[in-house]
N, C-alpha and C. Protein backbone atom coordinates (compact mmCIF):
# COMPACT_ATOMS: atom_id res chain seq x y z
N MET A 1 -28.47 -27.01 48.22
CA MET A 1 -29.19 -25.93 47.56
C MET A 1 -28.25 -24.75 47.27
N ILE A 2 -27.43 -24.38 48.26
CA ILE A 2 -26.53 -23.28 48.05
C ILE A 2 -25.46 -23.62 46.99
N GLU A 3 -25.03 -24.88 46.96
CA GLU A 3 -24.05 -25.32 45.94
C GLU A 3 -24.67 -25.21 44.56
N THR A 4 -25.91 -25.60 44.41
CA THR A 4 -26.60 -25.49 43.09
C THR A 4 -26.70 -24.03 42.66
N LEU A 5 -27.09 -23.15 43.55
CA LEU A 5 -27.19 -21.72 43.26
C LEU A 5 -25.83 -21.16 42.94
N THR A 6 -24.82 -21.52 43.64
CA THR A 6 -23.48 -21.05 43.34
C THR A 6 -22.98 -21.51 41.98
N SER A 7 -23.25 -22.77 41.65
CA SER A 7 -22.81 -23.28 40.38
C SER A 7 -23.60 -22.61 39.25
N PHE A 8 -24.86 -22.28 39.46
CA PHE A 8 -25.67 -21.60 38.43
C PHE A 8 -25.14 -20.19 38.19
N LEU A 9 -24.87 -19.47 39.27
CA LEU A 9 -24.32 -18.12 39.14
C LEU A 9 -22.96 -18.10 38.52
N SER A 10 -22.10 -19.03 38.84
CA SER A 10 -20.82 -19.10 38.23
C SER A 10 -20.85 -19.41 36.78
N PHE A 11 -21.86 -20.25 36.36
CA PHE A 11 -22.03 -20.53 34.97
C PHE A 11 -22.47 -19.26 34.20
N GLY A 12 -23.35 -18.46 34.83
CA GLY A 12 -23.83 -17.25 34.22
C GLY A 12 -22.69 -16.21 34.04
N LEU A 13 -21.80 -16.12 35.04
CA LEU A 13 -20.70 -15.20 34.91
C LEU A 13 -19.71 -15.72 33.85
N THR A 14 -19.50 -16.95 33.77
CA THR A 14 -18.55 -17.49 32.77
C THR A 14 -19.10 -17.27 31.36
N THR A 15 -20.42 -17.47 31.19
CA THR A 15 -21.02 -17.21 29.88
C THR A 15 -20.92 -15.76 29.51
N ALA A 16 -21.23 -14.88 30.48
CA ALA A 16 -21.15 -13.42 30.18
C ALA A 16 -19.69 -13.04 29.91
N GLY A 17 -18.74 -13.62 30.59
CA GLY A 17 -17.34 -13.35 30.33
C GLY A 17 -16.92 -13.82 28.96
N SER A 18 -17.47 -14.94 28.54
CA SER A 18 -17.16 -15.45 27.19
C SER A 18 -17.73 -14.55 26.10
N VAL A 19 -18.95 -14.07 26.31
CA VAL A 19 -19.56 -13.16 25.35
C VAL A 19 -18.77 -11.89 25.30
N ALA A 20 -18.38 -11.33 26.42
CA ALA A 20 -17.62 -10.09 26.45
C ALA A 20 -16.27 -10.28 25.78
N ALA A 21 -15.62 -11.41 26.04
CA ALA A 21 -14.31 -11.69 25.38
C ALA A 21 -14.47 -11.83 23.87
N GLY A 22 -15.54 -12.46 23.43
CA GLY A 22 -15.80 -12.58 22.00
C GLY A 22 -16.07 -11.29 21.34
N ALA A 23 -16.86 -10.43 21.98
CA ALA A 23 -17.14 -9.10 21.45
C ALA A 23 -15.90 -8.23 21.43
N GLY A 24 -15.11 -8.33 22.44
CA GLY A 24 -13.82 -7.59 22.46
C GLY A 24 -12.91 -8.07 21.35
N SER A 25 -12.86 -9.33 21.12
CA SER A 25 -12.00 -9.89 20.05
C SER A 25 -12.44 -9.42 18.68
N LEU A 26 -13.79 -9.39 18.48
CA LEU A 26 -14.30 -8.88 17.17
C LEU A 26 -14.01 -7.38 16.96
N LEU A 27 -14.12 -6.64 18.06
CA LEU A 27 -13.79 -5.21 17.97
C LEU A 27 -12.32 -4.97 17.66
N PHE A 28 -11.48 -5.78 18.31
CA PHE A 28 -10.03 -5.69 18.07
C PHE A 28 -9.72 -6.05 16.63
N LEU A 29 -10.34 -7.09 16.11
CA LEU A 29 -10.11 -7.51 14.70
C LEU A 29 -10.59 -6.45 13.71
N ALA A 30 -11.72 -5.82 14.01
CA ALA A 30 -12.23 -4.75 13.10
C ALA A 30 -11.29 -3.56 13.09
N ILE A 31 -10.75 -3.18 14.23
CA ILE A 31 -9.80 -2.06 14.30
C ILE A 31 -8.53 -2.42 13.60
N LEU A 32 -8.05 -3.65 13.81
CA LEU A 32 -6.81 -4.11 13.11
C LEU A 32 -7.00 -4.13 11.57
N LEU A 33 -8.09 -4.59 11.07
CA LEU A 33 -8.36 -4.61 9.66
C LEU A 33 -8.43 -3.17 9.09
N ALA A 34 -9.12 -2.30 9.79
CA ALA A 34 -9.26 -0.93 9.33
C ALA A 34 -7.89 -0.24 9.25
N LYS A 35 -7.04 -0.49 10.22
CA LYS A 35 -5.69 0.10 10.17
C LYS A 35 -4.82 -0.48 9.08
N ALA A 36 -4.99 -1.78 8.86
CA ALA A 36 -4.18 -2.48 7.85
C ALA A 36 -4.49 -2.05 6.43
N TYR A 37 -5.76 -1.74 6.12
CA TYR A 37 -6.18 -1.50 4.75
C TYR A 37 -6.44 -0.01 4.43
N ARG A 38 -6.24 0.84 5.37
CA ARG A 38 -6.45 2.29 5.09
C ARG A 38 -5.25 2.81 4.31
N ARG A 39 -5.52 3.54 3.28
CA ARG A 39 -4.50 4.13 2.42
C ARG A 39 -4.62 5.63 2.38
N VAL A 40 -3.50 6.34 2.49
CA VAL A 40 -3.46 7.79 2.36
C VAL A 40 -2.60 8.05 1.16
N VAL A 41 -3.16 8.87 0.22
CA VAL A 41 -2.48 9.14 -1.06
C VAL A 41 -1.36 10.17 -0.82
N GLU A 42 -0.20 9.84 -1.35
CA GLU A 42 0.94 10.77 -1.30
C GLU A 42 0.64 12.06 -2.07
N PRO A 43 1.26 13.19 -1.72
CA PRO A 43 0.94 14.45 -2.42
C PRO A 43 1.36 14.43 -3.90
N ASN A 44 2.29 13.59 -4.27
CA ASN A 44 2.74 13.59 -5.67
C ASN A 44 2.13 12.43 -6.44
N GLU A 45 1.02 11.83 -5.97
CA GLU A 45 0.41 10.69 -6.67
C GLU A 45 -1.10 10.90 -6.78
N VAL A 46 -1.68 10.14 -7.69
CA VAL A 46 -3.12 10.06 -7.86
C VAL A 46 -3.51 8.60 -7.82
N HIS A 47 -4.50 8.19 -7.10
CA HIS A 47 -4.96 6.81 -7.03
C HIS A 47 -6.31 6.73 -7.72
N ILE A 48 -6.42 5.83 -8.65
CA ILE A 48 -7.71 5.57 -9.28
C ILE A 48 -8.18 4.27 -8.70
N VAL A 49 -9.32 4.31 -7.99
CA VAL A 49 -9.85 3.16 -7.22
C VAL A 49 -11.18 2.74 -7.90
N GLN A 50 -11.22 1.44 -8.30
CA GLN A 50 -12.43 0.91 -8.96
C GLN A 50 -13.08 -0.08 -8.08
N SER A 51 -14.35 0.15 -7.72
CA SER A 51 -15.15 -0.78 -6.93
C SER A 51 -16.19 -1.37 -7.81
N ARG A 52 -17.11 -2.08 -7.25
CA ARG A 52 -18.18 -2.73 -8.03
C ARG A 52 -19.03 -1.74 -8.81
N HIS A 53 -19.31 -0.60 -8.21
CA HIS A 53 -20.30 0.34 -8.77
C HIS A 53 -19.72 1.61 -9.30
N ARG A 54 -18.51 1.97 -8.97
CA ARG A 54 -17.99 3.25 -9.41
C ARG A 54 -16.47 3.24 -9.48
N THR A 55 -15.97 4.27 -10.18
CA THR A 55 -14.56 4.50 -10.23
C THR A 55 -14.33 5.90 -9.57
N SER A 56 -13.43 5.95 -8.59
CA SER A 56 -13.18 7.20 -7.85
C SER A 56 -11.71 7.55 -7.98
N ILE A 57 -11.44 8.87 -7.98
CA ILE A 57 -10.08 9.38 -8.08
C ILE A 57 -9.73 10.01 -6.73
N TYR A 58 -8.63 9.64 -6.20
CA TYR A 58 -8.16 10.20 -4.89
C TYR A 58 -6.80 10.85 -5.11
N GLY A 59 -6.65 12.04 -4.52
CA GLY A 59 -5.38 12.76 -4.58
C GLY A 59 -5.63 14.26 -4.30
N LYS A 60 -4.53 14.96 -4.16
CA LYS A 60 -4.60 16.36 -3.79
C LYS A 60 -5.21 17.22 -4.89
N GLN A 61 -4.86 16.90 -6.16
CA GLN A 61 -5.27 17.76 -7.27
C GLN A 61 -6.77 17.63 -7.55
N PHE A 62 -7.35 16.47 -7.28
CA PHE A 62 -8.73 16.22 -7.65
C PHE A 62 -9.61 16.44 -6.44
N GLU A 63 -10.38 17.54 -6.46
CA GLU A 63 -11.26 17.84 -5.31
C GLU A 63 -12.61 17.15 -5.40
N GLN A 64 -13.09 16.92 -6.65
CA GLN A 64 -14.40 16.33 -6.82
C GLN A 64 -14.35 15.13 -7.76
N ASP A 65 -15.19 14.17 -7.51
CA ASP A 65 -15.33 13.00 -8.34
C ASP A 65 -16.28 13.28 -9.53
N GLU A 66 -16.47 12.31 -10.40
CA GLU A 66 -17.40 12.57 -11.51
C GLU A 66 -18.83 12.74 -11.04
N ASP A 67 -19.17 12.28 -9.82
CA ASP A 67 -20.49 12.45 -9.25
C ASP A 67 -20.61 13.85 -8.60
N GLY A 68 -19.51 14.61 -8.52
CA GLY A 68 -19.55 15.89 -7.87
C GLY A 68 -19.23 15.84 -6.40
N GLU A 69 -18.92 14.62 -5.89
CA GLU A 69 -18.59 14.44 -4.50
C GLU A 69 -17.11 14.59 -4.23
N SER A 70 -16.76 15.19 -3.09
CA SER A 70 -15.38 15.32 -2.70
C SER A 70 -14.90 14.02 -2.07
N ARG A 71 -13.80 13.46 -2.58
CA ARG A 71 -13.32 12.16 -2.08
C ARG A 71 -12.15 12.33 -1.12
N GLY A 72 -11.42 13.38 -1.15
CA GLY A 72 -10.32 13.54 -0.23
C GLY A 72 -9.08 12.75 -0.73
N ASN A 73 -8.21 12.39 0.20
CA ASN A 73 -6.99 11.65 -0.16
C ASN A 73 -6.79 10.42 0.61
N SER A 74 -7.84 9.85 1.23
CA SER A 74 -7.69 8.57 1.92
C SER A 74 -8.85 7.66 1.62
N TYR A 75 -8.61 6.34 1.65
CA TYR A 75 -9.66 5.37 1.32
C TYR A 75 -9.25 4.05 1.95
N TYR A 76 -10.13 3.05 1.85
CA TYR A 76 -9.82 1.71 2.32
C TYR A 76 -9.60 0.79 1.11
N GLU A 77 -8.44 0.19 0.99
CA GLU A 77 -8.13 -0.70 -0.11
C GLU A 77 -8.39 -2.14 0.30
N TRP A 78 -9.63 -2.55 0.34
CA TRP A 78 -9.99 -3.94 0.64
C TRP A 78 -9.51 -4.79 -0.53
N PRO A 79 -9.06 -5.98 -0.31
CA PRO A 79 -8.60 -6.87 -1.37
C PRO A 79 -9.70 -7.09 -2.44
N HIS A 80 -9.23 -7.13 -3.69
CA HIS A 80 -10.22 -7.19 -4.77
C HIS A 80 -11.00 -8.53 -4.80
N TRP A 81 -10.45 -9.55 -4.15
CA TRP A 81 -11.15 -10.84 -4.17
C TRP A 81 -12.18 -10.94 -3.02
N TRP A 82 -12.29 -9.97 -2.18
CA TRP A 82 -13.34 -9.92 -1.17
C TRP A 82 -14.67 -9.57 -1.85
N PRO A 83 -15.72 -10.36 -1.64
CA PRO A 83 -16.99 -10.01 -2.31
C PRO A 83 -17.56 -8.72 -1.74
N VAL A 84 -18.22 -7.95 -2.58
CA VAL A 84 -18.95 -6.72 -2.36
C VAL A 84 -18.05 -5.52 -2.00
N VAL A 85 -17.03 -5.63 -1.15
CA VAL A 85 -16.27 -4.45 -0.74
C VAL A 85 -14.94 -4.37 -1.42
N GLY A 86 -14.48 -5.36 -2.17
CA GLY A 86 -13.20 -5.40 -2.77
C GLY A 86 -12.97 -4.28 -3.79
N VAL A 87 -11.78 -3.73 -3.89
CA VAL A 87 -11.48 -2.70 -4.87
C VAL A 87 -10.15 -2.97 -5.55
N GLN A 88 -9.96 -2.38 -6.71
CA GLN A 88 -8.70 -2.43 -7.41
C GLN A 88 -8.21 -0.98 -7.56
N ARG A 89 -6.88 -0.81 -7.54
CA ARG A 89 -6.36 0.55 -7.59
C ARG A 89 -5.24 0.61 -8.59
N ILE A 90 -5.11 1.81 -9.17
CA ILE A 90 -4.01 2.12 -10.08
C ILE A 90 -3.36 3.40 -9.50
N ILE A 91 -2.02 3.40 -9.38
CA ILE A 91 -1.31 4.55 -8.83
C ILE A 91 -0.58 5.20 -10.04
N LEU A 92 -0.84 6.50 -10.18
CA LEU A 92 -0.23 7.31 -11.23
C LEU A 92 0.50 8.49 -10.59
N PRO A 93 1.69 8.84 -11.09
CA PRO A 93 2.37 10.03 -10.54
C PRO A 93 1.72 11.28 -11.17
N LEU A 94 1.81 12.38 -10.45
CA LEU A 94 1.20 13.65 -11.00
C LEU A 94 1.93 14.18 -12.23
N SER A 95 3.19 13.73 -12.43
CA SER A 95 3.93 14.21 -13.61
C SER A 95 3.40 13.67 -14.90
N VAL A 96 2.49 12.68 -14.89
CA VAL A 96 1.90 12.16 -16.08
C VAL A 96 0.81 13.08 -16.64
N PHE A 97 0.21 13.89 -15.78
CA PHE A 97 -0.92 14.73 -16.18
C PHE A 97 -0.43 16.00 -16.87
N ASP A 98 -1.35 16.57 -17.66
CA ASP A 98 -1.01 17.77 -18.43
C ASP A 98 -0.56 18.96 -17.55
N GLN A 99 0.39 19.71 -18.12
CA GLN A 99 0.85 20.89 -17.39
C GLN A 99 0.52 22.12 -18.24
N ASN A 100 0.11 23.16 -17.61
CA ASN A 100 -0.25 24.37 -18.30
C ASN A 100 1.04 25.13 -18.72
N LEU A 101 1.29 25.26 -20.03
CA LEU A 101 2.48 25.84 -20.52
C LEU A 101 2.21 27.16 -21.26
N LEU A 102 1.15 27.84 -20.95
CA LEU A 102 0.75 29.09 -21.64
C LEU A 102 1.75 30.20 -21.36
N GLU A 103 2.29 30.28 -20.15
CA GLU A 103 3.16 31.34 -19.76
C GLU A 103 4.67 30.96 -19.86
N LEU A 104 4.96 29.91 -20.50
CA LEU A 104 6.33 29.43 -20.62
C LEU A 104 7.04 30.21 -21.78
N GLN A 105 8.15 30.83 -21.44
CA GLN A 105 8.86 31.56 -22.46
C GLN A 105 9.89 30.67 -23.13
N ALA A 106 9.75 30.47 -24.41
CA ALA A 106 10.61 29.56 -25.15
C ALA A 106 11.69 30.32 -25.91
């Protein structure tokens, strides 16, 4: 009887340990993916990121998106072939954009 109870309890602990190890592995994988795909825009660049539903501009010069929301300068660049969350990006240098030359003395 004691042997049966001991084997039952050891099975329960092994199962709980397996579940905890699986949950820990998933958490580690999620953190690893988040660190691998996070992008921070350089100060001299602008990133145009296109997802399924919107196009967003990230960079220092652009404080608000076309929706009026502030996007900041970091985002997650999930691969474009991933369904639902995939994005495509274009990187442009700030030197491409117009410069105000009104006060330039020629």
